[in-house]
Amino acid sequence: MRGRRKGMRGHALGGSWLRWGLHVERRTPMAVKIDTDLCVACGACVDACPVGALSVEDHAEVNEDECVECGACVDVCPCEALSL
């Protein structure tokens, strides 16, 4: 696959996810937790998520069916509103 396109969705491969050549194993049915009191809806987590599981309106929201718990969003959150 050539180049990176924003908004491109991940593809399920038998319990794994592939996006932009990134292979992430789905570990558990749990997802990232968001503290809505701390979230300022900056969108850093949305940009960092390799499978497109996050969106932002008034605060970040996670699609638990898509989240693979890679922690990329947790690492970039400037408000520490996300946790695994």
N, C-alpha and C. Protein backbone atom coordinates (compact mmCIF):
# COMPACT_ATOMS: atom_id res chain seq x y z
N MET A 1 0.84 -1.16 0.00
CA MET A 1 0.00 0.00 0.00
C MET A 1 0.89 1.23 0.00
N ARG A 2 0.59 2.20 -0.84
CA ARG A 2 1.44 3.37 -0.95
C ARG A 2 0.81 4.55 -0.23
N GLY A 3 1.66 5.32 0.46
CA GLY A 3 1.22 6.55 1.10
C GLY A 3 0.30 6.32 2.28
N ARG A 4 0.04 7.38 2.99
CA ARG A 4 -0.87 7.32 4.13
C ARG A 4 -2.02 8.26 3.87
N ARG A 5 -3.21 7.76 4.01
CA ARG A 5 -4.38 8.59 3.81
C ARG A 5 -5.13 8.70 5.11
N LYS A 6 -5.38 9.94 5.56
CA LYS A 6 -6.12 10.16 6.78
C LYS A 6 -7.54 9.64 6.62
N GLY A 7 -8.06 9.08 7.69
CA GLY A 7 -9.43 8.59 7.67
C GLY A 7 -9.56 7.18 7.14
N MET A 8 -8.48 6.58 6.69
CA MET A 8 -8.52 5.22 6.17
C MET A 8 -8.83 4.25 7.31
N ARG A 9 -9.72 3.34 7.11
CA ARG A 9 -10.14 2.41 8.16
C ARG A 9 -9.20 1.22 8.24
N GLY A 10 -9.15 0.61 9.40
CA GLY A 10 -8.37 -0.62 9.57
C GLY A 10 -9.12 -1.80 8.97
N HIS A 11 -8.45 -2.87 8.74
CA HIS A 11 -9.06 -4.07 8.18
C HIS A 11 -8.85 -5.23 9.13
N ALA A 12 -9.92 -5.90 9.50
CA ALA A 12 -9.83 -7.03 10.41
C ALA A 12 -9.24 -8.23 9.68
N LEU A 13 -8.31 -8.89 10.32
CA LEU A 13 -7.70 -10.09 9.75
C LEU A 13 -7.66 -11.16 10.83
N GLY A 14 -8.76 -11.86 11.05
CA GLY A 14 -8.80 -12.94 12.03
C GLY A 14 -8.39 -12.53 13.42
N GLY A 15 -8.96 -11.46 13.95
CA GLY A 15 -8.64 -11.00 15.29
C GLY A 15 -7.47 -10.04 15.34
N SER A 16 -6.87 -9.74 14.19
CA SER A 16 -5.79 -8.77 14.12
C SER A 16 -6.27 -7.60 13.29
N TRP A 17 -5.54 -6.51 13.34
CA TRP A 17 -5.89 -5.33 12.56
C TRP A 17 -4.69 -4.91 11.74
N LEU A 18 -4.94 -4.46 10.52
CA LEU A 18 -3.87 -4.02 9.65
C LEU A 18 -4.24 -2.64 9.11
N ARG A 19 -3.36 -1.66 9.27
CA ARG A 19 -3.57 -0.34 8.71
C ARG A 19 -2.21 0.27 8.45
N TRP A 20 -1.99 0.74 7.25
CA TRP A 20 -0.73 1.34 6.85
C TRP A 20 0.43 0.40 7.14
N GLY A 21 0.21 -0.88 7.04
CA GLY A 21 1.26 -1.85 7.28
C GLY A 21 1.49 -2.13 8.75
N LEU A 22 0.68 -1.53 9.64
CA LEU A 22 0.81 -1.76 11.08
C LEU A 22 -0.04 -2.95 11.47
N HIS A 23 0.57 -3.91 12.13
CA HIS A 23 -0.14 -5.11 12.55
C HIS A 23 -0.30 -5.07 14.06
N VAL A 24 -1.54 -5.04 14.54
CA VAL A 24 -1.82 -4.95 15.97
C VAL A 24 -2.74 -6.09 16.35
N GLU A 25 -2.34 -6.88 17.32
CA GLU A 25 -3.18 -7.99 17.79
C GLU A 25 -4.25 -7.47 18.74
N ARG A 26 -5.47 -7.93 18.57
CA ARG A 26 -6.55 -7.59 19.49
C ARG A 26 -6.41 -8.50 20.70
N ARG A 27 -6.22 -7.90 21.88
CA ARG A 27 -5.94 -8.68 23.08
C ARG A 27 -7.18 -9.05 23.87
N THR A 28 -8.03 -8.09 24.16
CA THR A 28 -9.20 -8.34 24.99
C THR A 28 -10.37 -7.55 24.45
N PRO A 29 -11.60 -7.83 24.91
CA PRO A 29 -12.74 -7.07 24.45
C PRO A 29 -12.89 -5.71 25.15
N MET A 30 -11.92 -5.33 25.97
CA MET A 30 -11.97 -4.04 26.65
C MET A 30 -11.45 -2.95 25.71
N ALA A 31 -11.63 -1.71 26.10
CA ALA A 31 -11.17 -0.60 25.28
C ALA A 31 -10.57 0.48 26.17
N VAL A 32 -10.00 1.48 25.52
CA VAL A 32 -9.45 2.62 26.23
C VAL A 32 -10.55 3.31 27.02
N LYS A 33 -10.20 3.76 28.21
CA LYS A 33 -11.15 4.49 29.06
C LYS A 33 -10.87 5.98 28.93
N ILE A 34 -11.93 6.78 28.89
CA ILE A 34 -11.81 8.22 28.73
C ILE A 34 -12.42 8.92 29.93
N ASP A 35 -11.63 9.78 30.58
CA ASP A 35 -12.13 10.61 31.68
C ASP A 35 -12.66 11.89 31.04
N THR A 36 -13.97 11.98 30.89
CA THR A 36 -14.58 13.12 30.19
C THR A 36 -14.40 14.44 30.94
N ASP A 37 -14.11 14.38 32.23
CA ASP A 37 -13.85 15.60 32.99
C ASP A 37 -12.49 16.20 32.63
N LEU A 38 -11.55 15.36 32.22
CA LEU A 38 -10.21 15.83 31.86
C LEU A 38 -10.06 16.14 30.37
N CYS A 39 -10.85 15.49 29.53
CA CYS A 39 -10.73 15.62 28.08
C CYS A 39 -11.13 17.04 27.62
N VAL A 40 -10.27 17.65 26.79
CA VAL A 40 -10.54 18.98 26.24
C VAL A 40 -10.86 18.92 24.74
N ALA A 41 -11.09 17.72 24.21
CA ALA A 41 -11.47 17.50 22.81
C ALA A 41 -10.46 18.08 21.82
N CYS A 42 -9.17 17.90 22.10
CA CYS A 42 -8.13 18.44 21.21
C CYS A 42 -7.97 17.62 19.94
N GLY A 43 -8.32 16.32 19.98
CA GLY A 43 -8.23 15.47 18.80
C GLY A 43 -6.90 14.77 18.61
N ALA A 44 -5.95 14.95 19.52
CA ALA A 44 -4.65 14.28 19.39
C ALA A 44 -4.81 12.77 19.36
N CYS A 45 -5.72 12.25 20.16
CA CYS A 45 -5.95 10.80 20.22
C CYS A 45 -6.51 10.26 18.90
N VAL A 46 -7.37 11.03 18.27
CA VAL A 46 -7.97 10.62 17.00
C VAL A 46 -6.89 10.46 15.94
N ASP A 47 -5.98 11.44 15.88
CA ASP A 47 -4.88 11.38 14.91
C ASP A 47 -3.92 10.23 15.19
N ALA A 48 -3.75 9.87 16.47
CA ALA A 48 -2.80 8.83 16.85
C ALA A 48 -3.34 7.41 16.69
N CYS A 49 -4.65 7.25 16.69
CA CYS A 49 -5.25 5.91 16.66
C CYS A 49 -5.01 5.21 15.32
N PRO A 50 -4.34 4.05 15.33
CA PRO A 50 -4.04 3.36 14.07
C PRO A 50 -5.23 2.64 13.44
N VAL A 51 -6.32 2.47 14.17
CA VAL A 51 -7.48 1.77 13.62
C VAL A 51 -8.73 2.64 13.53
N GLY A 52 -8.62 3.92 13.81
CA GLY A 52 -9.76 4.83 13.68
C GLY A 52 -10.87 4.58 14.68
N ALA A 53 -10.52 4.15 15.89
CA ALA A 53 -11.53 3.80 16.90
C ALA A 53 -12.00 4.99 17.72
N LEU A 54 -11.38 6.16 17.54
CA LEU A 54 -11.73 7.33 18.34
C LEU A 54 -12.35 8.43 17.49
N SER A 55 -13.25 9.18 18.11
CA SER A 55 -13.83 10.36 17.49
C SER A 55 -13.96 11.42 18.58
N VAL A 56 -14.15 12.68 18.16
CA VAL A 56 -14.28 13.77 19.13
C VAL A 56 -15.48 14.62 18.77
N GLU A 57 -16.31 14.88 19.75
CA GLU A 57 -17.37 15.87 19.65
C GLU A 57 -17.19 16.80 20.84
N ASP A 58 -17.95 16.64 21.90
CA ASP A 58 -17.74 17.43 23.12
C ASP A 58 -16.53 16.92 23.89
N HIS A 59 -16.22 15.65 23.70
CA HIS A 59 -15.06 14.99 24.29
C HIS A 59 -14.76 13.77 23.45
N ALA A 60 -13.63 13.14 23.69
CA ALA A 60 -13.25 11.94 22.93
C ALA A 60 -14.21 10.81 23.24
N GLU A 61 -14.49 10.01 22.23
CA GLU A 61 -15.34 8.84 22.37
C GLU A 61 -14.64 7.67 21.67
N VAL A 62 -14.72 6.49 22.27
CA VAL A 62 -14.06 5.32 21.70
C VAL A 62 -15.10 4.31 21.23
N ASN A 63 -14.89 3.75 20.05
CA ASN A 63 -15.71 2.66 19.55
C ASN A 63 -15.07 1.38 20.09
N GLU A 64 -15.68 0.79 21.09
CA GLU A 64 -15.10 -0.37 21.78
C GLU A 64 -14.93 -1.58 20.87
N ASP A 65 -15.73 -1.67 19.82
CA ASP A 65 -15.60 -2.80 18.90
C ASP A 65 -14.36 -2.67 18.01
N GLU A 66 -13.88 -1.45 17.81
CA GLU A 66 -12.73 -1.23 16.94
C GLU A 66 -11.41 -1.07 17.70
N CYS A 67 -11.47 -0.68 18.96
CA CYS A 67 -10.26 -0.42 19.74
C CYS A 67 -9.44 -1.70 19.95
N VAL A 68 -8.14 -1.61 19.69
CA VAL A 68 -7.24 -2.76 19.85
C VAL A 68 -6.30 -2.58 21.04
N GLU A 69 -6.54 -1.57 21.85
CA GLU A 69 -5.75 -1.31 23.06
C GLU A 69 -4.25 -1.20 22.80
N CYS A 70 -3.87 -0.53 21.75
CA CYS A 70 -2.44 -0.37 21.45
C CYS A 70 -1.79 0.69 22.32
N GLY A 71 -2.59 1.61 22.86
CA GLY A 71 -2.07 2.65 23.74
C GLY A 71 -1.54 3.89 23.04
N ALA A 72 -1.63 3.95 21.73
CA ALA A 72 -1.12 5.11 20.99
C ALA A 72 -1.82 6.39 21.44
N CYS A 73 -3.11 6.33 21.65
CA CYS A 73 -3.88 7.51 22.07
C CYS A 73 -3.51 7.93 23.49
N VAL A 74 -3.27 6.97 24.36
CA VAL A 74 -2.91 7.25 25.75
C VAL A 74 -1.58 8.02 25.79
N ASP A 75 -0.64 7.61 24.95
CA ASP A 75 0.67 8.23 24.93
C ASP A 75 0.66 9.69 24.47
N VAL A 76 -0.28 10.06 23.59
CA VAL A 76 -0.28 11.42 23.04
C VAL A 76 -1.23 12.38 23.74
N CYS A 77 -2.08 11.90 24.61
CA CYS A 77 -3.07 12.77 25.27
C CYS A 77 -2.38 13.78 26.19
N PRO A 78 -2.50 15.10 25.89
CA PRO A 78 -1.83 16.10 26.72
C PRO A 78 -2.49 16.31 28.07
N CYS A 79 -3.71 15.83 28.23
CA CYS A 79 -4.46 16.03 29.48
C CYS A 79 -4.51 14.77 30.36
N GLU A 80 -3.90 13.69 29.88
CA GLU A 80 -3.93 12.41 30.57
C GLU A 80 -5.36 11.95 30.87
N ALA A 81 -6.24 12.17 29.89
CA ALA A 81 -7.65 11.79 30.03
C ALA A 81 -7.92 10.36 29.60
N LEU A 82 -6.94 9.71 28.97
CA LEU A 82 -7.11 8.35 28.47
C LEU A 82 -6.28 7.36 29.27
N SER A 83 -6.82 6.17 29.45
CA SER A 83 -6.08 5.12 30.14
C SER A 83 -6.49 3.76 29.61
N LEU A 84 -5.64 2.77 29.81
CA LEU A 84 -5.93 1.39 29.41
C LEU A 84 -6.47 0.62 30.59
